[in-house]
Amino acid sequence: MVNPDGVDLDSLTEKLLEVRGSRPGNLIRYPRGGYPPEANYLFLGYINRGKQSIECTCLLLAYKIKYPENFFILRGNHECASINRLYDFYDECKRRYSVKVWKTFIECFNCLPIAAIVDDKIFGTHGGLRPNLNSIEQVRHIMRPTDLLWADPDKGITGWSEIDRGVSFTFGPNVVSRLTQKHNIDLICRTHQCVEYGYGFFAKPQFVTLFDNSGAMMSVDESLHCSFQVMKPAEKRRPLFRKRSASHFKQYASTRLTILLWHNECVLYSFFFFLFFFFAPVF
């Protein structure tokens, strides 16, 4: 499971996406992009913000074990102990299993890479960029956690600025343009921020964010042409038997009792009506 801090992906087709613990149904909808090993996948984030992060993580790890050359998982800021300790993942592990299970997951997260390169042209990471990133090879030697997990773009600034989150930086479009030209990269793909319609561009077409309540998947074909598929949350199936409250059963019992009394009265009136017409000729 131990990978370097950077992963080189030289495959023909890649699927880049983020899945959070609140949308495990998106993991089952792989036929939209193909199953590995026919299609390769790169995940940029997957835990917290939901009640089924354990299922999402275990399924991703199972795919990674079965298809190690076709399935890749990056580390995001929520895959850090200091973050998921305060959010849902720690509580989910503790409530359903034990704290030891959470610690085991953290040990696994500490071994995950933080960035990936697709065909030497697409740079993928969870957060953004960092000020002193002089070369892509430098990513392999970055101490984690890092700005690559936290930094955010800001179209209203030039250069670098402090971020409202209290950690890392924000960067302007000129930083993206300078880095892509310097390292001969066509596109930077990340998640970390909620955008409309599942994906959004920044700095013209050089920087794209994948993250929304709907979710989005970016597909890269042989010619490095990128397309997007927006995945809506799975619709909840209506239960066969709806849950009823105590007040409903009281009202139901009262209605049944009223009908029963009315039925008994009808039977009693019918009986007297029958006796009247049967014995009337006698008198």
Protein backbone atom coordinates (compact mmCIF):
# COMPACT_ATOMS: atom_id res chain seq x y z
CA MET A 1 0.00 0.00 0.00
CA VAL A 2 2.97 2.35 0.37
CA ASN A 3 3.27 4.73 -2.58
CA PRO A 4 5.58 7.68 -3.24
CA ASP A 5 4.26 11.20 -2.80
CA GLY A 6 3.76 11.50 -6.54
CA VAL A 7 2.26 8.97 -8.95
CA ASP A 8 2.93 8.89 -12.70
CA LEU A 9 -0.05 7.64 -14.68
CA ASP A 10 0.81 6.83 -18.30
CA SER A 11 -2.46 5.18 -19.26
CA LEU A 12 -4.71 5.78 -22.24
CA THR A 13 -7.85 6.68 -20.35
CA GLU A 14 -8.27 8.13 -16.87
CA LYS A 15 -11.30 8.93 -14.73
CA LEU A 16 -10.69 11.66 -12.15
CA LEU A 17 -13.30 12.18 -9.46
CA GLU A 18 -14.04 12.69 -5.80
CA VAL A 19 -16.44 10.59 -3.74
CA ARG A 20 -17.47 11.51 -0.23
CA GLY A 21 -18.90 9.23 2.43
CA SER A 22 -22.37 10.64 1.89
CA ARG A 23 -22.53 9.33 -1.68
CA PRO A 24 -21.42 5.69 -1.73
CA GLY A 25 -23.97 5.10 -4.48
CA ASN A 26 -21.63 6.89 -6.90
CA LEU A 27 -19.10 4.10 -6.42
CA ILE A 28 -21.59 1.56 -7.76
CA ARG A 29 -22.21 3.57 -10.92
CA TYR A 30 -18.88 2.75 -12.54
CA PRO A 31 -20.49 1.44 -15.74
CA ARG A 32 -20.80 5.10 -16.74
CA GLY A 33 -17.03 5.19 -16.96
CA GLY A 34 -16.24 1.49 -17.29
CA TYR A 35 -14.92 -1.02 -14.80
CA PRO A 36 -11.21 -1.54 -14.17
CA PRO A 37 -9.02 -2.80 -15.73
CA GLU A 38 -10.73 -1.52 -18.91
CA ALA A 39 -10.77 1.96 -17.35
CA ASN A 40 -8.38 3.56 -14.89
CA TYR A 41 -9.54 5.67 -11.96
CA LEU A 42 -7.93 8.39 -9.89
CA PHE A 43 -9.75 9.44 -6.71
CA LEU A 44 -9.01 12.83 -5.14
CA GLY A 45 -11.00 12.50 -1.89
CA TYR A 46 -13.51 10.17 -0.28
CA ILE A 47 -14.18 10.42 3.48
CA ASN A 48 -16.21 12.62 5.86
CA ARG A 49 -19.39 14.58 5.04
CA GLY A 50 -21.47 11.42 5.33
CA LYS A 51 -22.39 8.35 7.34
CA GLN A 52 -20.82 5.70 5.11
CA SER A 53 -17.18 6.73 4.84
CA ILE A 54 -16.04 3.30 6.04
CA GLU A 55 -17.85 1.57 3.17
CA CYS A 56 -16.44 4.04 0.65
CA THR A 57 -12.88 3.65 1.92
CA CYS A 58 -13.00 -0.16 2.13
CA LEU A 59 -14.42 -0.42 -1.39
CA LEU A 60 -11.73 1.87 -2.80
CA LEU A 61 -9.00 -0.08 -1.03
CA ALA A 62 -10.44 -3.36 -2.30
CA TYR A 63 -10.31 -2.04 -5.88
CA LYS A 64 -6.77 -0.82 -5.28
CA ILE A 65 -5.68 -4.26 -4.09
CA LYS A 66 -7.36 -6.05 -6.99
CA TYR A 67 -6.30 -3.57 -9.69
CA PRO A 68 -3.08 -1.92 -8.43
CA GLU A 69 -2.14 -0.67 -11.92
CA ASN A 70 -5.60 0.68 -12.77
CA PHE A 71 -6.87 2.22 -9.55
CA PHE A 72 -5.24 5.13 -7.75
CA ILE A 73 -6.16 6.94 -4.54
CA LEU A 74 -4.77 10.31 -3.48
CA ARG A 75 -4.77 11.79 -0.03
CA GLY A 76 -6.90 14.83 0.71
CA ASN A 77 -7.05 17.14 3.70
CA HIS A 78 -9.82 15.04 5.28
CA GLU A 79 -7.54 12.00 5.17
CA CYS A 80 -5.45 13.67 7.89
CA ALA A 81 -5.98 12.65 11.51
CA SER A 82 -6.24 16.23 12.77
CA ILE A 83 -9.19 16.88 10.42
CA ASN A 84 -11.25 13.69 10.43
CA ARG A 85 -10.79 13.53 14.20
CA LEU A 86 -13.05 16.60 14.38
CA TYR A 87 -15.46 15.54 11.66
CA ASP A 88 -17.61 12.49 11.00
CA PHE A 89 -15.05 9.79 10.27
CA TYR A 90 -13.66 9.41 13.79
CA ASP A 91 -17.14 9.31 15.31
CA GLU A 92 -18.28 6.80 12.69
CA CYS A 93 -15.38 4.43 13.43
CA LYS A 94 -15.80 4.79 17.17
CA ARG A 95 -19.58 4.32 17.09
CA ARG A 96 -19.63 1.36 14.73
CA TYR A 97 -16.36 -0.36 15.62
CA SER A 98 -13.59 1.09 17.80
CA VAL A 99 -10.93 3.80 17.98
CA LYS A 100 -8.37 1.16 16.96
CA VAL A 101 -10.10 0.86 13.58
CA TRP A 102 -9.80 4.63 13.09
CA LYS A 103 -6.07 4.51 13.93
CA THR A 104 -5.59 1.70 11.40
CA PHE A 105 -7.23 3.82 8.70
CA ILE A 106 -5.00 6.77 9.61
CA GLU A 107 -1.89 4.61 9.20
CA CYS A 108 -3.14 3.70 5.75
CA PHE A 109 -3.90 7.33 4.84
CA ASN A 110 -0.38 8.35 5.86
CA CYS A 111 0.97 6.12 3.08
CA LEU A 112 -1.16 7.60 0.31
CA PRO A 113 0.33 9.87 -2.39
CA ILE A 114 -0.70 13.52 -2.52
CA ALA A 115 -0.48 14.18 -6.28
CA ALA A 116 -0.52 12.44 -9.64
CA ILE A 117 0.54 13.19 -13.21
CA VAL A 118 -1.55 11.88 -16.13
CA ASP A 119 0.51 11.45 -19.32
CA ASP A 120 2.84 14.25 -18.19
CA LYS A 121 0.14 16.80 -19.05
CA ILE A 122 -2.51 16.72 -16.30
CA PHE A 123 -1.58 17.43 -12.71
CA GLY A 124 -4.04 16.06 -10.14
CA THR A 125 -4.18 16.83 -6.43
CA HIS A 126 -6.81 17.42 -3.74
CA GLY A 127 -6.23 21.08 -2.87
CA GLY A 128 -4.13 23.36 -5.03
CA LEU A 129 -0.63 24.74 -5.43
CA ARG A 130 2.11 25.93 -3.11
CA PRO A 131 4.39 28.99 -3.37
CA ASN A 132 7.75 27.20 -3.48
CA LEU A 133 6.81 24.48 -5.95
CA ASN A 134 9.72 24.79 -8.36
CA SER A 135 9.35 21.42 -10.08
CA ILE A 136 6.91 18.53 -10.26
CA GLU A 137 9.63 16.19 -9.05
CA GLN A 138 9.71 18.23 -5.84
CA VAL A 139 6.31 16.81 -4.93
CA ARG A 140 7.93 13.46 -4.13
CA HIS A 141 9.92 15.06 -1.31
CA ILE A 142 7.24 17.26 0.28
CA MET A 143 6.57 16.64 3.96
CA ARG A 144 2.86 15.97 4.56
CA PRO A 145 0.38 17.51 5.19
CA THR A 146 1.05 20.24 2.67
CA ASP A 147 -0.44 23.19 0.80
CA LEU A 148 -1.34 20.79 -2.00
CA LEU A 149 -4.14 19.58 0.28
CA TRP A 150 -5.39 23.01 1.39
CA ALA A 151 -4.68 25.83 -1.08
CA ASP A 152 -7.60 27.44 -2.96
CA PRO A 153 -7.77 29.53 -6.14
CA ASP A 154 -9.05 33.10 -6.02
CA LYS A 155 -9.79 34.93 -9.25
CA GLY A 156 -9.84 38.28 -7.44
CA ILE A 157 -6.15 38.36 -6.54
CA THR A 158 -2.76 38.35 -8.25
CA GLY A 159 -0.04 36.11 -6.90
CA TRP A 160 -0.46 34.66 -3.41
CA SER A 161 -2.53 35.67 -0.40
CA GLU A 162 -3.52 34.33 3.00
CA ILE A 163 -6.56 32.06 3.08
CA ASP A 164 -9.67 32.46 5.24
CA ARG A 165 -9.36 28.86 6.44
CA GLY A 166 -6.41 29.90 8.59
CA VAL A 167 -4.04 27.46 6.89
CA SER A 168 -2.18 27.53 3.54
CA PHE A 169 -2.72 30.19 0.83
CA THR A 170 -4.91 31.35 -2.03
CA PHE A 171 -3.48 31.94 -5.48
CA GLY A 172 -4.52 33.94 -8.53
CA PRO A 173 -4.89 32.99 -12.21
CA ASN A 174 -1.40 34.26 -13.01
CA VAL A 175 0.10 31.63 -10.67
CA VAL A 176 -1.68 28.86 -12.59
CA SER A 177 -0.59 30.22 -15.96
CA ARG A 178 3.03 30.58 -14.82
CA LEU A 179 3.19 27.04 -13.40
CA THR A 180 1.56 25.36 -16.41
CA GLN A 181 3.92 27.13 -18.82
CA LYS A 182 6.99 26.40 -16.73
CA HIS A 183 6.30 22.68 -16.37
CA ASN A 184 4.58 22.19 -19.75
CA ILE A 185 1.28 21.10 -18.15
CA ASP A 186 -2.04 21.48 -19.93
CA LEU A 187 -4.42 21.15 -16.98
CA ILE A 188 -4.50 21.13 -13.18
CA CYS A 189 -7.36 19.10 -11.67
CA ARG A 190 -8.39 19.31 -8.02
CA THR A 191 -11.40 19.10 -5.65
CA HIS A 192 -11.60 20.62 -2.15
CA GLN A 193 -14.21 23.31 -2.96
CA CYS A 194 -17.89 23.07 -3.79
CA VAL A 195 -18.65 24.39 -7.28
CA GLU A 196 -21.87 24.67 -9.25
CA TYR A 197 -22.94 21.83 -11.56
CA GLY A 198 -20.29 19.45 -10.20
CA TYR A 199 -17.29 21.07 -11.89
CA GLY A 200 -15.95 24.55 -12.60
CA PHE A 201 -13.01 26.15 -14.42
CA PHE A 202 -10.51 28.70 -13.16
CA ALA A 203 -7.78 30.60 -15.03
CA LYS A 204 -9.44 29.90 -18.39
CA PRO A 205 -9.28 26.15 -19.16
CA GLN A 206 -6.06 25.48 -17.24
CA PHE A 207 -7.54 24.73 -13.80
CA VAL A 208 -10.67 22.70 -12.99
CA THR A 209 -12.40 21.85 -9.72
CA LEU A 210 -14.51 18.69 -9.30
CA PHE A 211 -16.80 18.84 -6.29
CA ASP A 212 -20.50 19.36 -5.66
CA ASN A 213 -23.43 17.68 -3.95
CA SER A 214 -24.17 16.13 -7.34
CA GLY A 215 -20.60 14.97 -7.96
CA ALA A 216 -18.70 14.98 -11.24
CA MET A 217 -16.26 12.72 -13.06
CA MET A 218 -13.70 13.93 -15.57
CA SER A 219 -12.78 11.46 -18.31
CA VAL A 220 -9.56 11.75 -20.30
CA ASP A 221 -9.34 9.93 -23.64
CA GLU A 222 -6.30 8.86 -25.67
CA SER A 223 -5.79 12.33 -27.14
CA LEU A 224 -6.07 13.91 -23.65
CA HIS A 225 -9.48 15.34 -24.51
CA CYS A 226 -11.41 15.91 -21.27
CA SER A 227 -15.14 15.42 -20.82
CA PHE A 228 -17.33 15.62 -17.73
CA GLN A 229 -20.13 13.47 -16.38
CA VAL A 230 -22.30 14.90 -13.61
CA MET A 231 -23.58 12.22 -11.23
CA LYS A 232 -26.78 13.08 -9.39
CA PRO A 233 -27.35 11.56 -5.93
CA ALA A 234 -29.13 8.22 -6.08
CA GLU A 235 -32.84 8.53 -5.48
CA LYS A 236 -34.07 6.97 -2.28
CA ARG A 237 -36.40 4.07 -2.84
CA ARG A 238 -39.78 4.36 -1.22
CA PRO A 239 -40.13 1.69 1.48
CA LEU A 240 -42.73 -1.01 0.99
CA PHE A 241 -44.15 -0.28 4.41
CA ARG A 242 -43.96 3.27 5.64
CA LYS A 243 -42.99 3.99 9.21
CA ARG A 244 -45.92 4.97 11.39
CA SER A 245 -45.89 7.10 14.51
CA ALA A 246 -47.67 6.28 17.76
CA SER A 247 -50.31 8.98 17.08
CA HIS A 248 -51.07 7.32 13.74
CA PHE A 249 -51.78 3.98 15.41
CA LYS A 250 -54.00 5.70 18.02
CA GLN A 251 -55.98 7.41 15.27
CA TYR A 252 -56.14 4.14 13.32
CA ALA A 253 -57.43 2.24 16.38
CA SER A 254 -60.00 4.94 17.10
CA THR A 255 -61.25 4.82 13.50
CA ARG A 256 -61.46 1.03 13.56
CA LEU A 257 -63.40 1.13 16.85
CA THR A 258 -65.87 3.65 15.41
CA ILE A 259 -66.44 1.49 12.35
CA LEU A 260 -66.90 -1.59 14.52
CA LEU A 261 -69.48 0.11 16.74
CA TRP A 262 -71.31 1.41 13.70
CA HIS A 263 -71.31 -2.10 12.22
CA ASN A 264 -72.68 -3.60 15.43
CA GLU A 265 -75.45 -1.00 15.53
CA CYS A 266 -76.40 -1.83 11.94
CA VAL A 267 -76.55 -5.53 12.76
CA LEU A 268 -78.70 -4.84 15.82
CA TYR A 269 -81.12 -2.61 13.88
CA SER A 270 -81.35 -5.21 11.13
CA PHE A 271 -82.21 -7.90 13.70
CA PHE A 272 -85.05 -5.85 15.19
CA PHE A 273 -86.27 -4.95 11.72
CA PHE A 274 -86.37 -8.66 10.81
CA LEU A 275 -88.30 -9.55 14.02
CA PHE A 276 -90.83 -6.79 13.39
CA PHE A 277 -91.71 -7.94 9.89
CA PHE A 278 -91.59 -11.64 10.83
CA PHE A 279 -93.93 -11.46 13.84
CA ALA A 280 -96.13 -8.56 12.64
CA PRO A 281 -98.68 -10.88 10.89
CA VAL A 282 -99.10 -12.90 14.12
CA PHE A 283 -100.37 -9.86 15.98
